[in-house]
Protein backbone atom coordinates (compact mmCIF):
# COMPACT_ATOMS: atom_id res chain seq x y z
CA UNK A 1 -14.88 -12.74 3.05
CA UNK A 2 -11.96 -10.35 2.94
CA UNK A 3 -9.28 -11.27 0.45
CA UNK A 4 -6.87 -8.38 1.05
CA UNK A 5 -6.77 -6.10 4.05
CA UNK A 6 -4.24 -3.34 4.70
CA UNK A 7 -4.16 -1.51 8.03
CA UNK A 8 -2.22 1.72 8.53
CA UNK A 9 0.40 0.95 5.86
CA UNK A 10 3.36 3.30 5.77
CA UNK A 11 6.33 3.33 3.40
CA UNK A 12 9.20 5.81 3.49
CA UNK A 13 12.08 6.24 1.07
CA UNK A 14 15.32 8.10 1.76
CA UNK A 15 16.52 9.85 -1.39
CA UNK A 16 19.65 11.92 -1.04
CA UNK A 17 19.16 14.00 2.08
CA UNK A 18 15.36 13.91 1.88
CA UNK A 19 12.76 11.59 3.35
CA UNK A 20 9.80 10.81 1.10
CA UNK A 21 6.62 9.46 2.70
CA UNK A 22 5.24 7.46 -0.23
CA UNK A 23 2.42 5.92 1.84
CA UNK A 24 1.33 7.48 5.10
CA UNK A 25 -1.27 5.36 6.88
CA UNK A 26 -3.20 3.65 4.08
CA UNK A 27 -6.02 1.32 5.15
CA UNK A 28 -7.92 -0.71 2.56
CA UNK A 29 -10.13 -3.78 2.37
CA UNK A 30 -10.78 -5.69 -0.85
CA UNK A 31 -13.43 -8.40 -0.67
CA UNK A 32 -13.60 -11.43 -2.92
CA UNK A 33 -15.13 -10.46 -6.27
CA UNK A 34 -14.42 -6.73 -5.87
CA UNK A 35 -12.86 -4.72 -8.68
CA UNK A 36 -10.57 -1.88 -7.72
CA UNK A 37 -9.01 1.12 -9.46
CA UNK A 38 -6.11 2.95 -7.87
CA UNK A 39 -5.77 6.44 -9.32
CA UNK A 40 -3.80 9.54 -8.45
CA UNK A 41 -1.28 12.03 -9.68
CA UNK A 42 2.30 11.19 -10.53
CA UNK A 43 4.27 10.53 -7.34
CA UNK A 44 1.22 9.87 -5.18
CA UNK A 45 2.28 6.31 -4.21
CA UNK A 46 0.20 4.18 -6.60
CA UNK A 47 3.08 1.95 -7.70
CA UNK A 48 4.38 1.67 -4.15
CA UNK A 49 0.94 0.54 -2.98
CA UNK A 50 0.61 -1.98 -5.83
CA UNK A 51 4.08 -3.38 -5.07
CA UNK A 52 3.08 -3.93 -1.45
CA UNK A 53 -0.27 -5.49 -2.41
CA UNK A 54 1.54 -7.77 -4.89
CA UNK A 55 4.15 -8.78 -2.26
CA UNK A 56 6.99 -7.27 -4.31
CA UNK A 57 7.87 -4.86 -1.50
CA UNK A 58 7.25 -4.63 2.24
CA UNK A 59 5.73 -1.80 4.21
CA UNK A 60 7.76 -0.07 6.90
CA UNK A 61 4.76 -0.07 9.23
CA UNK A 62 1.25 -1.54 9.37
CA UNK A 63 -0.42 -4.87 8.79
CA UNK A 64 -1.13 -6.78 5.59
CA UNK A 65 -3.57 -9.70 5.54
CA UNK A 66 -4.01 -11.93 2.49
CA UNK A 67 -7.03 -14.26 2.73
CA UNK A 68 -7.18 -13.91 6.52
């Protein structure tokens, strides 16, 4: 049973005159009982992804399913 499913998640920030694509089409499935590590370099979108997974922020595009 899928607990969390993300499909084509995109998140963009507008900083000054620049557009930053923090997440550009992330798809992920986490099943019940799975353990997950999200790793990457500074500025790669880890915190943005965690904020969306934790319902602290919303994606600009894509689908988020929590327990179906």
